[in-house]
């Protein structure tokens, strides 16, 4: 049987209609949110105590972003680069990074600094 123009599109639309779900069926009804002014240590606390990996960021009632656990990696990398001179030995770098992370109010509790 030859394919009738638009037939595949109609089959796909019928499938989506019969098997598709609406956003309201899978979304979190009352998600935890933060504002742009929420301190990093509070965001980490919310993520850890609520076991969430992402938090919508609001400005008033408007969504302006999402902060994720991976966003903290950049901050940790900045701490690591500021912790020691490039010529320092690995153990000193590891100790300095661990010390800086331990002193950060927003430190990720599950982050470990390991040597080679």
Protein backbone atom coordinates (compact mmCIF):
# COMPACT_ATOMS: atom_id res chain seq x y z
CA UNK A 1 0.00 0.00 0.00
CA UNK A 2 1.44 3.34 -1.00
CA UNK A 3 1.90 5.95 1.68
CA UNK A 4 -0.82 8.56 1.46
CA UNK A 5 0.58 12.10 1.95
CA UNK A 6 0.07 13.14 5.55
CA UNK A 7 -0.90 9.62 6.62
CA UNK A 8 2.24 9.14 8.74
CA UNK A 9 1.70 12.52 10.37
CA UNK A 10 -1.86 11.57 11.25
CA UNK A 11 -0.72 8.21 12.67
CA UNK A 12 1.88 10.00 14.80
CA UNK A 13 -0.69 12.54 16.00
CA UNK A 14 -3.14 9.76 16.88
CA UNK A 15 -0.42 7.93 18.83
CA UNK A 16 0.53 11.06 20.77
CA UNK A 17 -3.11 11.77 21.49
CA UNK A 18 -3.76 8.28 22.84
CA UNK A 19 -0.44 7.76 24.65
CA UNK A 20 0.81 11.26 25.38
CA UNK A 21 0.74 12.87 28.77
CA UNK A 22 0.21 16.44 29.81
CA UNK A 23 2.78 18.45 31.76
CA UNK A 24 0.43 18.58 34.75
CA UNK A 25 0.58 14.80 35.01
CA UNK A 26 4.35 14.67 35.51
CA UNK A 27 5.28 18.02 37.07
CA UNK A 28 5.87 18.69 40.74
CA UNK A 29 2.71 20.52 41.86
CA UNK A 30 4.33 22.86 44.42
CA UNK A 31 8.06 22.87 43.67
CA UNK A 32 10.61 24.28 46.06
CA UNK A 33 12.02 27.52 44.67
CA UNK A 34 14.67 30.10 45.51
CA UNK A 35 15.19 33.72 44.59
CA UNK A 36 18.22 35.36 43.01
CA UNK A 37 19.18 36.63 46.47
CA UNK A 38 19.11 33.24 48.22
CA UNK A 39 22.55 32.56 49.75
CA UNK A 40 24.44 29.59 48.34
CA UNK A 41 24.63 27.84 51.70
CA UNK A 42 20.82 27.97 51.93
CA UNK A 43 20.47 26.53 48.42
CA UNK A 44 22.78 23.65 49.33
CA UNK A 45 20.82 23.07 52.54
CA UNK A 46 17.51 22.97 50.63
CA UNK A 47 18.92 20.57 48.03
CA UNK A 48 20.36 18.24 50.66
CA UNK A 49 17.43 18.16 53.06
CA UNK A 50 14.86 17.84 50.26
CA UNK A 51 16.89 15.48 48.06
CA UNK A 52 16.47 17.67 44.98
CA UNK A 53 19.08 18.29 42.31
CA UNK A 54 17.52 21.40 40.77
CA UNK A 55 15.75 24.48 42.08
CA UNK A 56 13.83 27.00 39.98
CA UNK A 57 15.00 30.58 40.57
CA UNK A 58 12.26 33.20 40.73
CA UNK A 59 12.20 36.99 40.48
CA UNK A 60 8.83 37.78 41.94
CA UNK A 61 6.48 35.32 40.22
CA UNK A 62 8.67 35.00 37.11
CA UNK A 63 11.04 32.10 36.44
CA UNK A 64 14.49 33.52 35.66
CA UNK A 65 16.64 30.40 35.90
CA UNK A 66 17.37 27.05 37.44
CA UNK A 67 20.24 26.28 39.80
CA UNK A 68 21.56 22.72 39.75
CA UNK A 69 24.06 20.74 41.75
CA UNK A 70 26.43 20.86 38.79
CA UNK A 71 26.44 24.67 39.01
CA UNK A 72 28.42 24.29 42.21
CA UNK A 73 31.23 22.50 40.36
CA UNK A 74 32.29 25.76 38.72
CA UNK A 75 32.47 27.43 42.13
CA UNK A 76 34.52 24.54 43.50
CA UNK A 77 36.82 24.72 40.47
CA UNK A 78 37.34 28.44 41.15
CA UNK A 79 38.26 27.61 44.74
CA UNK A 80 40.67 24.96 43.55
CA UNK A 81 42.41 27.29 41.11
CA UNK A 82 42.79 29.94 43.80
CA UNK A 83 44.02 27.49 46.41
CA UNK A 84 47.57 26.91 45.22
CA UNK A 85 50.15 28.04 42.70
CA UNK A 86 50.47 25.81 39.62
CA UNK A 87 53.92 24.67 40.73
CA UNK A 88 52.71 23.30 44.07
CA UNK A 89 52.85 19.56 44.67
CA UNK A 90 49.67 17.48 44.48
CA UNK A 91 49.34 16.78 48.20
CA UNK A 92 49.61 20.47 49.11
CA UNK A 93 47.05 21.36 46.44
CA UNK A 94 44.68 18.67 47.73
CA UNK A 95 45.06 19.91 51.32
CA UNK A 96 44.53 23.53 50.34
CA UNK A 97 41.46 22.73 48.24
CA UNK A 98 40.00 20.59 51.05
CA UNK A 99 40.67 23.39 53.56
CA UNK A 100 39.04 26.06 51.38
CA UNK A 101 36.01 23.83 50.72
CA UNK A 102 35.67 23.00 54.41
CA UNK A 103 35.59 26.72 55.23
CA UNK A 104 33.00 27.61 52.58
CA UNK A 105 29.56 28.09 54.13
CA UNK A 106 27.87 26.53 51.08
CA UNK A 107 30.27 23.58 50.78
CA UNK A 108 28.82 20.47 49.21
CA UNK A 109 28.90 17.85 51.95
CA UNK A 110 29.38 14.92 49.59
CA UNK A 111 32.34 16.43 47.76
CA UNK A 112 35.63 14.69 48.44
CA UNK A 113 39.06 15.87 47.29
CA UNK A 114 41.20 12.89 46.33
CA UNK A 115 44.74 12.67 45.11
CA UNK A 116 46.00 10.69 42.15
